[in-house]
N, C-alpha and C. Protein backbone atom coordinates (compact mmCIF):
# COMPACT_ATOMS: atom_id res chain seq x y z
N MET A 1 54.04 30.77 -73.27
CA MET A 1 52.59 30.09 -72.83
C MET A 1 52.02 30.31 -74.27
N ALA A 2 51.92 30.81 -74.67
CA ALA A 2 51.11 31.23 -76.38
C ALA A 2 51.26 29.90 -77.36
N THR A 3 52.76 29.19 -77.20
CA THR A 3 53.26 27.90 -77.54
C THR A 3 52.43 27.23 -76.98
N LEU A 4 52.58 26.58 -75.90
CA LEU A 4 51.51 25.66 -75.22
C LEU A 4 50.33 25.90 -75.82
N ALA A 5 49.24 26.70 -75.43
CA ALA A 5 48.21 26.75 -75.99
C ALA A 5 48.23 26.37 -77.20
N SER A 6 49.01 26.94 -78.17
CA SER A 6 48.68 26.37 -79.47
C SER A 6 48.89 25.14 -80.00
N THR A 7 49.97 24.19 -79.35
CA THR A 7 49.84 23.15 -79.40
C THR A 7 49.06 22.04 -79.00
N THR A 8 48.49 22.44 -78.00
CA THR A 8 47.27 21.70 -77.22
C THR A 8 46.39 21.89 -78.45
N ALA A 9 45.86 22.77 -78.87
CA ALA A 9 44.91 23.18 -79.82
C ALA A 9 45.16 22.66 -80.97
N THR A 10 46.36 22.25 -81.47
CA THR A 10 46.75 21.34 -82.52
C THR A 10 46.54 19.60 -82.38
N THR A 11 46.32 19.32 -80.96
CA THR A 11 46.52 17.62 -81.02
C THR A 11 45.11 17.45 -80.90
N THR A 12 44.02 18.27 -80.57
CA THR A 12 42.86 18.29 -79.97
C THR A 12 41.96 18.63 -81.17
N GLU A 13 42.53 19.61 -82.18
CA GLU A 13 41.86 20.00 -83.50
C GLU A 13 42.45 19.81 -84.54
N VAL A 14 41.84 19.62 -85.64
CA VAL A 14 42.62 19.64 -86.55
C VAL A 14 42.30 20.67 -87.79
N ALA A 15 42.83 21.35 -87.93
CA ALA A 15 42.62 22.25 -89.03
C ALA A 15 41.01 23.00 -88.59
N GLY A 16 40.79 23.31 -87.23
CA GLY A 16 39.65 23.86 -86.76
C GLY A 16 38.58 22.66 -86.48
N LYS A 17 38.55 21.79 -86.90
CA LYS A 17 37.54 20.60 -86.41
C LYS A 17 38.30 19.45 -85.34
N PRO A 18 37.24 19.32 -84.26
CA PRO A 18 37.70 18.50 -83.59
C PRO A 18 38.27 17.03 -83.98
N GLU A 19 39.43 15.84 -83.36
CA GLU A 19 39.87 15.43 -83.63
C GLU A 19 38.70 14.04 -83.51
N ALA A 20 38.34 12.96 -84.69
CA ALA A 20 37.27 12.45 -84.34
C ALA A 20 37.78 10.81 -84.60
N PHE A 21 37.44 9.77 -83.75
CA PHE A 21 37.93 8.40 -84.05
C PHE A 21 36.48 8.03 -84.70
N LEU A 22 36.88 7.53 -85.83
CA LEU A 22 35.26 6.41 -86.31
C LEU A 22 34.34 7.23 -86.48
N GLY A 23 34.86 8.61 -86.39
CA GLY A 23 33.57 9.30 -86.88
C GLY A 23 32.78 9.98 -85.64
N LEU A 24 33.45 9.84 -84.35
CA LEU A 24 33.19 10.23 -83.12
C LEU A 24 33.99 11.32 -82.40
N ASN A 25 34.06 12.60 -81.99
CA ASN A 25 34.93 12.74 -81.30
C ASN A 25 34.59 12.69 -79.73
N GLY A 26 35.00 13.04 -78.58
CA GLY A 26 35.20 12.57 -77.01
C GLY A 26 33.84 12.51 -76.82
N PHE A 27 32.90 13.44 -76.82
CA PHE A 27 31.58 13.41 -76.07
C PHE A 27 30.95 12.30 -76.82
N GLY A 28 31.49 11.12 -78.04
CA GLY A 28 30.63 10.50 -78.77
C GLY A 28 30.76 9.71 -77.81
N TRP A 29 32.04 9.45 -77.29
CA TRP A 29 32.79 8.42 -77.12
C TRP A 29 32.40 7.94 -75.55
N VAL A 30 32.09 9.11 -74.99
CA VAL A 30 31.57 9.18 -73.53
C VAL A 30 30.09 8.26 -73.67
N GLY A 31 29.39 8.99 -74.81
CA GLY A 31 28.01 8.27 -75.10
C GLY A 31 28.02 7.08 -74.92
N VAL A 32 28.97 6.51 -76.45
CA VAL A 32 29.17 5.06 -76.46
C VAL A 32 29.62 4.59 -75.62
N ALA A 33 30.56 4.62 -74.59
CA ALA A 33 30.90 3.97 -73.28
C ALA A 33 29.94 3.87 -72.67
N PHE A 34 28.99 4.74 -72.19
CA PHE A 34 27.50 5.26 -70.99
C PHE A 34 26.89 4.02 -71.78
N LEU A 35 26.45 3.70 -73.41
CA LEU A 35 25.89 2.80 -73.56
C LEU A 35 26.03 1.56 -73.30
N ILE A 36 27.30 1.34 -73.63
CA ILE A 36 28.19 0.24 -73.31
C ILE A 36 27.66 -0.49 -71.91
N PHE A 37 28.46 0.41 -71.11
CA PHE A 37 27.75 0.43 -69.24
C PHE A 37 26.50 0.37 -68.95
N ALA A 38 25.75 1.02 -69.74
CA ALA A 38 24.75 0.60 -69.31
C ALA A 38 23.68 -0.68 -69.60
N GLY A 39 24.35 -0.84 -71.04
CA GLY A 39 23.72 -2.19 -71.68
C GLY A 39 24.46 -3.21 -70.62
N LEU A 40 25.73 -3.65 -70.33
CA LEU A 40 26.02 -4.52 -69.78
C LEU A 40 25.37 -4.74 -67.83
N LEU A 41 25.23 -3.61 -67.37
CA LEU A 41 24.39 -3.34 -66.47
C LEU A 41 23.07 -4.66 -66.56
N ILE A 42 22.60 -4.23 -68.06
CA ILE A 42 21.19 -4.63 -67.82
C ILE A 42 21.49 -6.00 -68.29
N PHE A 43 22.35 -6.46 -68.77
CA PHE A 43 22.34 -7.82 -69.49
C PHE A 43 23.07 -8.52 -68.47
N LEU A 44 23.37 -8.07 -67.41
CA LEU A 44 24.00 -8.84 -66.22
C LEU A 44 22.95 -8.90 -64.97
N LYS A 45 22.05 -8.45 -65.17
CA LYS A 45 20.71 -7.78 -64.27
C LYS A 45 21.22 -6.88 -63.02
N VAL A 46 21.99 -6.30 -63.10
CA VAL A 46 22.01 -5.62 -61.97
C VAL A 46 21.30 -4.63 -61.34
N PRO A 47 20.31 -4.27 -62.35
CA PRO A 47 19.08 -3.24 -61.89
C PRO A 47 18.40 -3.99 -61.28
N ARG A 48 17.67 -5.77 -61.43
CA ARG A 48 16.85 -6.39 -60.63
C ARG A 48 17.69 -6.71 -59.73
N ALA A 49 19.15 -6.89 -59.53
CA ALA A 49 19.73 -7.59 -58.22
C ALA A 49 19.45 -6.04 -57.28
N LEU A 50 19.72 -4.98 -57.89
CA LEU A 50 19.65 -3.93 -56.82
C LEU A 50 18.08 -3.60 -56.77
N THR A 51 17.09 -3.63 -57.07
CA THR A 51 15.69 -3.77 -56.88
C THR A 51 15.42 -4.75 -56.16
N GLY A 52 15.91 -5.93 -56.33
CA GLY A 52 16.01 -6.93 -55.42
C GLY A 52 16.42 -6.70 -53.94
N ALA A 53 17.68 -6.12 -53.85
CA ALA A 53 18.52 -5.67 -52.71
C ALA A 53 17.64 -4.59 -51.72
N LEU A 54 17.35 -3.87 -52.77
CA LEU A 54 16.30 -2.71 -52.28
C LEU A 54 15.23 -3.15 -51.55
N ASP A 55 14.28 -4.21 -51.93
CA ASP A 55 13.04 -4.63 -51.98
C ASP A 55 13.27 -5.47 -50.67
N LYS A 56 14.28 -6.11 -50.74
CA LYS A 56 14.84 -6.53 -49.23
C LYS A 56 15.04 -6.11 -48.11
N ARG A 57 15.56 -4.97 -48.33
CA ARG A 57 15.93 -4.11 -47.11
C ARG A 57 14.51 -3.33 -47.05
N SER A 58 14.12 -2.58 -47.79
CA SER A 58 12.50 -1.77 -47.83
C SER A 58 11.95 -2.79 -46.88
N ALA A 59 12.03 -4.29 -47.08
CA ALA A 59 11.29 -5.54 -46.32
C ALA A 59 12.31 -5.52 -45.04
N ARG A 60 12.81 -5.44 -44.89
CA ARG A 60 13.21 -5.55 -43.40
C ARG A 60 13.46 -4.43 -42.85
N ILE A 61 13.27 -3.39 -43.27
CA ILE A 61 12.73 -1.80 -42.95
C ILE A 61 11.29 -1.96 -42.33
N ARG A 62 11.17 -2.36 -43.13
CA ARG A 62 9.12 -2.41 -42.79
C ARG A 62 8.80 -3.10 -42.01
N GLY A 63 9.78 -4.68 -41.62
CA GLY A 63 9.66 -5.43 -40.50
C GLY A 63 9.86 -5.00 -39.35
N GLU A 64 10.93 -4.31 -39.10
CA GLU A 64 11.65 -3.31 -38.27
C GLU A 64 10.27 -2.86 -37.45
N LEU A 65 10.43 -1.83 -38.37
CA LEU A 65 9.17 -0.77 -38.15
C LEU A 65 7.87 -1.41 -37.55
N ASP A 66 7.31 -2.66 -38.12
CA ASP A 66 6.00 -3.31 -37.79
C ASP A 66 6.52 -3.52 -36.14
N GLU A 67 7.74 -4.34 -35.83
CA GLU A 67 8.21 -4.86 -34.49
C GLU A 67 8.42 -3.42 -33.70
N ALA A 68 8.47 -2.24 -34.63
CA ALA A 68 8.90 -1.20 -33.27
C ALA A 68 7.55 -0.73 -32.93
N LYS A 69 6.75 -0.61 -34.06
CA LYS A 69 5.67 -0.41 -33.49
C LYS A 69 4.64 -1.21 -32.70
N ARG A 70 4.86 -2.82 -33.05
CA ARG A 70 4.36 -3.85 -31.93
C ARG A 70 5.42 -3.56 -30.68
N LEU A 71 6.20 -3.25 -30.33
CA LEU A 71 6.69 -3.20 -29.37
C LEU A 71 6.56 -1.88 -28.24
N ARG A 72 5.91 -0.74 -29.27
CA ARG A 72 5.64 0.66 -28.46
C ARG A 72 4.33 0.05 -27.92
N THR A 73 3.36 -0.72 -28.87
CA THR A 73 2.14 -0.73 -28.62
C THR A 73 2.09 -1.49 -27.30
N GLU A 74 2.72 -2.61 -27.11
CA GLU A 74 3.14 -3.66 -26.27
C GLU A 74 3.85 -2.89 -24.57
N ALA A 75 4.52 -1.78 -25.07
CA ALA A 75 5.21 -0.96 -23.76
C ALA A 75 4.06 0.33 -23.46
N GLU A 76 3.25 0.33 -24.17
CA GLU A 76 1.99 1.60 -23.86
C GLU A 76 1.25 0.87 -22.83
N GLY A 77 0.77 -0.63 -23.49
CA GLY A 77 -0.07 -1.40 -22.56
C GLY A 77 0.60 -1.78 -21.36
N LEU A 78 2.02 -1.86 -20.82
CA LEU A 78 3.02 -2.41 -20.23
C LEU A 78 2.58 -1.28 -19.09
N LEU A 79 3.03 -0.12 -19.84
CA LEU A 79 2.45 1.40 -18.92
C LEU A 79 1.94 1.78 -18.46
N ALA A 80 0.51 1.50 -19.46
CA ALA A 80 -0.46 1.91 -18.55
C ALA A 80 -1.03 0.34 -17.52
N GLN A 81 -1.03 -0.76 -17.62
CA GLN A 81 -0.90 -1.30 -16.99
C GLN A 81 -0.19 -1.28 -15.37
N TYR A 82 1.05 -0.63 -15.91
CA TYR A 82 1.57 -0.20 -14.23
C TYR A 82 1.22 1.00 -13.63
N LYS A 83 0.44 1.61 -14.55
CA LYS A 83 -0.21 3.15 -14.12
C LYS A 83 -1.52 2.67 -13.42
N ASP A 84 -1.88 1.59 -13.97
CA ASP A 84 -3.13 1.07 -13.59
C ASP A 84 -2.78 0.47 -11.69
N ARG A 85 -1.64 -0.20 -12.19
CA ARG A 85 -1.14 -0.80 -10.47
C ARG A 85 -0.75 -0.19 -9.80
N ALA A 86 0.04 1.22 -9.89
CA ALA A 86 0.44 2.35 -8.95
C ALA A 86 -0.85 2.75 -8.42
N ALA A 87 -1.65 2.89 -9.45
CA ALA A 87 -2.90 3.84 -8.92
C ALA A 87 -3.82 3.24 -8.09
N GLN A 88 -3.62 1.63 -8.42
CA GLN A 88 -4.75 0.69 -7.61
C GLN A 88 -3.76 0.30 -6.02
N ALA A 89 -2.30 0.72 -6.22
CA ALA A 89 -1.67 0.61 -4.84
C ALA A 89 -1.92 1.19 -3.93
N ASP A 90 -1.63 3.24 -4.47
CA ASP A 90 -2.01 4.07 -4.26
C ASP A 90 -3.45 4.13 -3.10
N ARG A 91 -4.45 3.52 -4.00
CA ARG A 91 -5.80 3.39 -3.81
C ARG A 91 -5.86 2.56 -2.27
N ASP A 92 -4.81 1.25 -2.53
CA ASP A 92 -5.11 0.75 -1.23
C ASP A 92 -4.17 0.89 -0.47
N ALA A 93 -3.21 1.41 -0.45
CA ALA A 93 -2.50 2.40 0.64
C ALA A 93 -3.57 3.31 1.43
N ALA A 94 -4.24 3.91 0.34
CA ALA A 94 -5.26 4.67 1.05
C ALA A 94 -5.99 4.10 2.20
N GLY A 95 -6.62 3.23 1.50
CA GLY A 95 -7.57 1.88 2.35
C GLY A 95 -6.71 1.76 3.74
N ILE A 96 -5.58 1.18 2.76
CA ILE A 96 -4.91 0.58 4.45
C ILE A 96 -4.87 2.04 5.41
N VAL A 97 -4.40 2.84 5.00
CA VAL A 97 -4.21 4.13 6.04
C VAL A 97 -5.33 3.85 7.06
N ALA A 98 -6.62 4.74 6.11
CA ALA A 98 -7.72 4.41 6.74
C ALA A 98 -8.37 3.51 7.45
N GLY A 99 -8.36 2.52 6.83
CA GLY A 99 -8.68 0.90 7.92
C GLY A 99 -7.84 1.34 8.99
N ALA A 100 -6.13 1.63 9.00
CA ALA A 100 -5.47 1.87 10.09
C ALA A 100 -6.32 2.84 11.40
N HIS A 101 -6.48 3.97 10.60
CA HIS A 101 -6.99 4.90 11.40
C HIS A 101 -8.60 4.78 12.25
N GLU A 102 -8.99 4.16 11.28
CA GLU A 102 -10.43 3.26 11.80
C GLU A 102 -10.33 2.42 12.64
N GLU A 103 -9.19 1.47 12.92
CA GLU A 103 -8.89 0.46 13.82
C GLU A 103 -8.63 1.08 15.20
N ALA A 104 -7.53 2.32 14.89
CA ALA A 104 -6.92 2.87 15.98
C ALA A 104 -7.90 3.50 17.08
N ALA A 105 -9.29 4.29 15.85
CA ALA A 105 -9.52 4.64 16.64
C ALA A 105 -10.80 4.06 17.80
N ARG A 106 -11.27 2.49 16.98
CA ARG A 106 -12.03 1.52 17.76
C ARG A 106 -11.42 1.11 18.70
N ILE A 107 -10.12 1.00 18.91
CA ILE A 107 -9.18 0.09 19.75
C ILE A 107 -9.08 1.28 20.96
N THR A 108 -8.84 2.85 20.59
CA THR A 108 -8.77 3.85 21.55
C THR A 108 -10.15 3.94 22.26
N GLU A 109 -11.42 3.88 21.93
CA GLU A 109 -12.44 3.60 22.32
C GLU A 109 -12.72 2.48 23.22
N ALA A 110 -12.58 1.42 22.67
CA ALA A 110 -12.41 -0.06 23.62
C ALA A 110 -11.92 0.39 24.27
N ALA A 111 -10.69 0.92 24.69
CA ALA A 111 -9.51 0.99 25.63
C ALA A 111 -10.29 2.00 26.62
N ARG A 112 -10.87 3.16 26.53
CA ARG A 112 -11.17 4.00 27.00
C ARG A 112 -12.89 3.87 27.94
N ALA A 113 -13.27 2.84 26.77
CA ALA A 113 -14.46 1.90 27.62
C ALA A 113 -14.16 1.47 28.43
N GLU A 114 -13.20 0.25 28.33
CA GLU A 114 -12.57 -0.38 29.40
C GLU A 114 -12.29 0.48 30.63
N ALA A 115 -11.41 1.25 30.41
CA ALA A 115 -10.89 1.94 31.66
C ALA A 115 -11.66 2.38 32.64
N GLU A 116 -13.22 2.86 31.79
CA GLU A 116 -14.48 3.53 32.51
C GLU A 116 -14.98 2.37 33.21
N ALA A 117 -15.27 1.25 32.90
CA ALA A 117 -15.56 0.27 32.69
C ALA A 117 -14.92 -0.40 34.49
N ARG A 118 -13.65 -0.45 33.96
CA ARG A 118 -12.71 -0.56 35.17
C ARG A 118 -12.58 0.07 36.45
N VAL A 119 -12.72 1.52 36.11
CA VAL A 119 -12.75 2.71 37.30
C VAL A 119 -14.31 2.55 37.84
N ALA A 120 -15.50 2.26 37.31
CA ALA A 120 -16.74 1.83 37.97
C ALA A 120 -16.78 0.44 38.83
N ARG A 121 -15.87 -0.35 38.45
CA ARG A 121 -16.25 -1.58 38.78
C ARG A 121 -15.25 -1.44 40.18
N ARG A 122 -13.84 -0.76 40.22
CA ARG A 122 -13.31 -0.55 41.00
C ARG A 122 -14.21 0.50 42.16
N ALA A 123 -14.98 1.38 41.65
CA ALA A 123 -15.48 2.44 42.53
C ALA A 123 -16.73 1.78 43.35
N ARG A 124 -17.07 0.47 42.36
CA ARG A 124 -18.46 -0.52 43.23
C ARG A 124 -18.02 -1.02 44.14
N GLN A 125 -16.54 -1.33 44.31
CA GLN A 125 -15.92 -2.48 45.04
C GLN A 125 -16.00 -1.90 46.26
N ALA A 126 -15.25 -0.33 46.22
CA ALA A 126 -14.94 0.57 47.07
C ALA A 126 -16.24 0.31 47.83
N GLU A 127 -17.28 1.20 47.02
CA GLU A 127 -18.59 1.39 47.92
C GLU A 127 -18.87 0.05 48.43
N ASP A 128 -18.77 -0.56 48.14
CA ASP A 128 -19.82 -1.98 48.61
C ASP A 128 -17.95 -2.41 50.11
N ARG A 129 -17.16 -2.41 49.63
CA ARG A 129 -16.37 -2.50 51.09
C ARG A 129 -16.54 -1.50 52.11
N ILE A 130 -16.80 -0.36 51.71
CA ILE A 130 -17.68 0.90 52.93
C ILE A 130 -18.49 0.29 53.09
N ALA A 131 -19.60 -0.17 52.90
CA ALA A 131 -21.18 -0.03 52.99
C ALA A 131 -20.53 -1.75 54.05
N ALA A 132 -19.74 -2.54 53.62
CA ALA A 132 -19.44 -3.82 54.63
C ALA A 132 -19.03 -3.12 55.49
N ALA A 133 -18.30 -2.34 55.63
CA ALA A 133 -17.00 -1.98 56.69
C ALA A 133 -18.02 -1.05 57.83
N GLU A 134 -19.05 -0.34 56.95
CA GLU A 134 -20.05 0.46 58.00
C GLU A 134 -21.34 -0.81 58.88
N ARG A 135 -21.57 -1.87 57.86
CA ARG A 135 -22.24 -2.46 58.44
C ARG A 135 -22.02 -3.69 59.43
N ALA A 136 -20.79 -3.79 59.24
CA ALA A 136 -19.51 -4.71 60.20
C ALA A 136 -19.38 -3.83 61.41
N ALA A 137 -19.40 -2.10 60.79
CA ALA A 137 -19.16 -1.37 62.49
C ALA A 137 -20.33 -1.17 63.11
N GLU A 138 -21.53 -1.10 62.24
CA GLU A 138 -22.51 -1.21 62.98
C GLU A 138 -23.26 -2.18 63.60
N ALA A 139 -22.57 -3.36 63.18
CA ALA A 139 -23.05 -5.08 64.14
C ALA A 139 -22.29 -4.65 64.79
N ASP A 140 -21.04 -4.12 65.46
CA ASP A 140 -20.24 -4.26 66.50
C ASP A 140 -20.53 -3.12 67.56
N LEU A 141 -20.93 -2.09 66.65
CA LEU A 141 -21.53 -1.02 67.65
C LEU A 141 -22.85 -1.46 68.42
N ARG A 142 -23.49 -2.81 67.82
CA ARG A 142 -24.95 -2.75 68.14
C ARG A 142 -24.62 -3.90 69.09
N ALA A 143 -23.63 -4.55 68.77
CA ALA A 143 -23.14 -5.75 69.80
C ALA A 143 -22.36 -5.37 71.05
N GLN A 144 -22.11 -4.39 70.71
CA GLN A 144 -21.25 -3.26 71.76
C GLN A 144 -22.22 -3.02 72.83
N ALA A 145 -23.34 -2.11 71.83
CA ALA A 145 -24.31 -1.68 73.11
C ALA A 145 -25.08 -2.92 73.63
N ALA A 146 -25.51 -4.14 72.73
CA ALA A 146 -26.16 -5.16 73.61
C ALA A 146 -25.55 -5.43 74.82
N ARG A 147 -24.03 -5.68 74.20
CA ARG A 147 -23.02 -6.17 75.79
C ARG A 147 -23.04 -4.83 76.87
N LEU A 148 -23.39 -4.01 76.66
CA LEU A 148 -23.43 -2.62 77.46
C LEU A 148 -24.49 -2.67 78.48
N ALA A 149 -25.90 -3.44 77.53
CA ALA A 149 -27.03 -2.99 78.03
C ALA A 149 -27.30 -3.98 78.94
N VAL A 150 -26.80 -5.48 78.54
CA VAL A 150 -26.89 -6.96 79.37
C VAL A 150 -26.27 -6.54 80.50
N ALA A 151 -24.93 -5.63 80.54
CA ALA A 151 -23.94 -5.62 81.70
C ALA A 151 -24.90 -4.98 82.83
N ALA A 152 -25.29 -3.96 82.14
CA ALA A 152 -26.05 -2.67 82.87
C ALA A 152 -27.42 -2.91 83.45
N ALA A 153 -28.20 -3.59 82.51
CA ALA A 153 -29.07 -4.73 83.17
C ALA A 153 -28.59 -5.52 84.07
N ARG A 154 -27.88 -6.43 84.18
CA ARG A 154 -27.17 -7.58 85.43
C ARG A 154 -27.24 -7.06 86.55
N ARG A 155 -26.10 -5.36 86.50
CA ARG A 155 -26.01 -4.82 87.63
C ARG A 155 -27.63 -4.23 88.19
N VAL A 156 -28.22 -4.00 87.66
CA VAL A 156 -29.60 -3.26 88.02
C VAL A 156 -30.29 -4.46 88.65
N ILE A 157 -30.12 -5.21 88.12
CA ILE A 157 -31.40 -6.86 88.69
C ILE A 157 -30.52 -7.02 89.92
N ALA A 158 -28.89 -6.90 89.81
CA ALA A 158 -28.46 -8.01 91.13
C ALA A 158 -28.69 -6.65 91.86
N GLU A 159 -28.38 -5.41 91.38
CA GLU A 159 -28.48 -4.60 93.04
C GLU A 159 -30.18 -4.50 93.63
N ASN A 160 -31.11 -4.49 92.47
CA ASN A 160 -32.32 -4.36 93.17
C ASN A 160 -33.42 -5.13 93.06
N ALA A 161 -33.04 -6.38 92.59
CA ALA A 161 -33.90 -7.84 92.37
C ALA A 161 -33.33 -8.71 93.62
N GLY A 162 -34.38 -9.44 94.26
CA GLY A 162 -33.51 -10.61 95.15
C GLY A 162 -33.63 -11.97 94.50
N ALA A 163 -33.47 -13.01 95.30
CA ALA A 163 -32.77 -14.18 94.79
C ALA A 163 -34.33 -14.96 93.65
N ASP A 164 -35.44 -14.93 94.54
CA ASP A 164 -36.46 -15.57 93.66
C ASP A 164 -36.70 -14.74 92.63
N VAL A 165 -36.62 -13.45 92.37
CA VAL A 165 -36.93 -12.96 91.02
C VAL A 165 -35.65 -12.93 90.15
N GLN A 166 -34.86 -13.09 90.86
CA GLN A 166 -33.55 -13.49 89.67
C GLN A 166 -33.74 -14.78 88.91
N THR A 167 -34.50 -16.06 90.38
CA THR A 167 -34.34 -17.14 89.36
C THR A 167 -35.79 -17.54 88.50
N ARG A 168 -36.99 -16.14 88.78
CA ARG A 168 -38.08 -16.45 87.88
C ARG A 168 -37.41 -16.00 86.38
N MET A 169 -36.80 -15.02 86.63
CA MET A 169 -36.48 -14.18 85.21
C MET A 169 -35.30 -15.57 84.44
N THR A 170 -34.39 -16.33 85.17
CA THR A 170 -33.51 -17.10 84.52
C THR A 170 -34.40 -18.02 84.18
N ASN A 171 -35.00 -18.16 85.06
CA ASN A 171 -35.98 -19.69 84.32
C ASN A 171 -36.90 -18.93 83.19
N GLY A 172 -37.27 -18.02 82.91
CA GLY A 172 -37.87 -17.39 81.76
C GLY A 172 -37.63 -17.23 80.40
N ALA A 173 -36.16 -16.72 81.01
CA ALA A 173 -35.18 -16.95 79.46
C ALA A 173 -34.79 -17.95 79.18
N ILE A 174 -34.28 -19.13 80.38
CA ILE A 174 -34.65 -20.34 79.61
C ILE A 174 -35.38 -21.08 78.68
N ASP A 175 -36.77 -20.93 79.27
CA ASP A 175 -38.10 -21.22 78.42
C ASP A 175 -37.98 -20.36 77.13
N GLU A 176 -37.64 -18.92 77.19
CA GLU A 176 -37.98 -18.17 76.07
C GLU A 176 -36.27 -18.98 74.82
N VAL A 177 -35.82 -19.24 75.06
CA VAL A 177 -34.48 -19.64 74.30
C VAL A 177 -34.87 -21.06 73.97
N GLY A 178 -35.59 -21.93 74.71
CA GLY A 178 -36.15 -22.90 74.72
C GLY A 178 -37.14 -23.04 73.12
N ARG A 179 -37.74 -22.32 73.32
CA ARG A 179 -39.02 -21.96 72.53
C ARG A 179 -38.33 -21.42 70.48
N ARG A 180 -37.41 -20.41 71.11
CA ARG A 180 -36.87 -20.27 69.93
C ARG A 180 -35.93 -21.13 69.09
N LEU A 181 -35.31 -22.09 69.62
CA LEU A 181 -34.52 -23.42 69.28
C LEU A 181 -35.78 -23.82 68.78
N LEU A 182 -36.86 -24.50 69.03
CA LEU A 182 -37.64 -25.35 68.55
C LEU A 182 -38.15 -24.83 67.20
């Protein structure tokens, strides 16, 4: 192993000094290569192209961010509109329910008032029928009483009065009927 290390050292170092080409060691050549590479990049305008590409990408990202902000603002506006519509729909629904309750109360009250009026009307009709029946019964009773009184008077007159009294009474009744008719 010692021989391998000594041969490697001799190839990179000559008499204690590192090997150099054109007066440059390995680090110098790496620096020269880097400068050539950097110069080539500048000559080919790679930094400008990279800057342009980065600027384009930055502009695209900025545009996407602006679009995202615009969309977010629009979405927030739509959300606010939908919340307002939902609140309005809730208020409308509450109004409809309240109106329905009021209408139901009015209909119930109207039905109760109509039923009370119908009951009162039927009660009046029943009272009127009863009063008419009472009047008819009273008239029938009076007519029956008058017939009975006339029959009783006939019997009394026929039994107690003579022919000339009966003739006078008949003539008086005929005269009375004639006066009432004229």
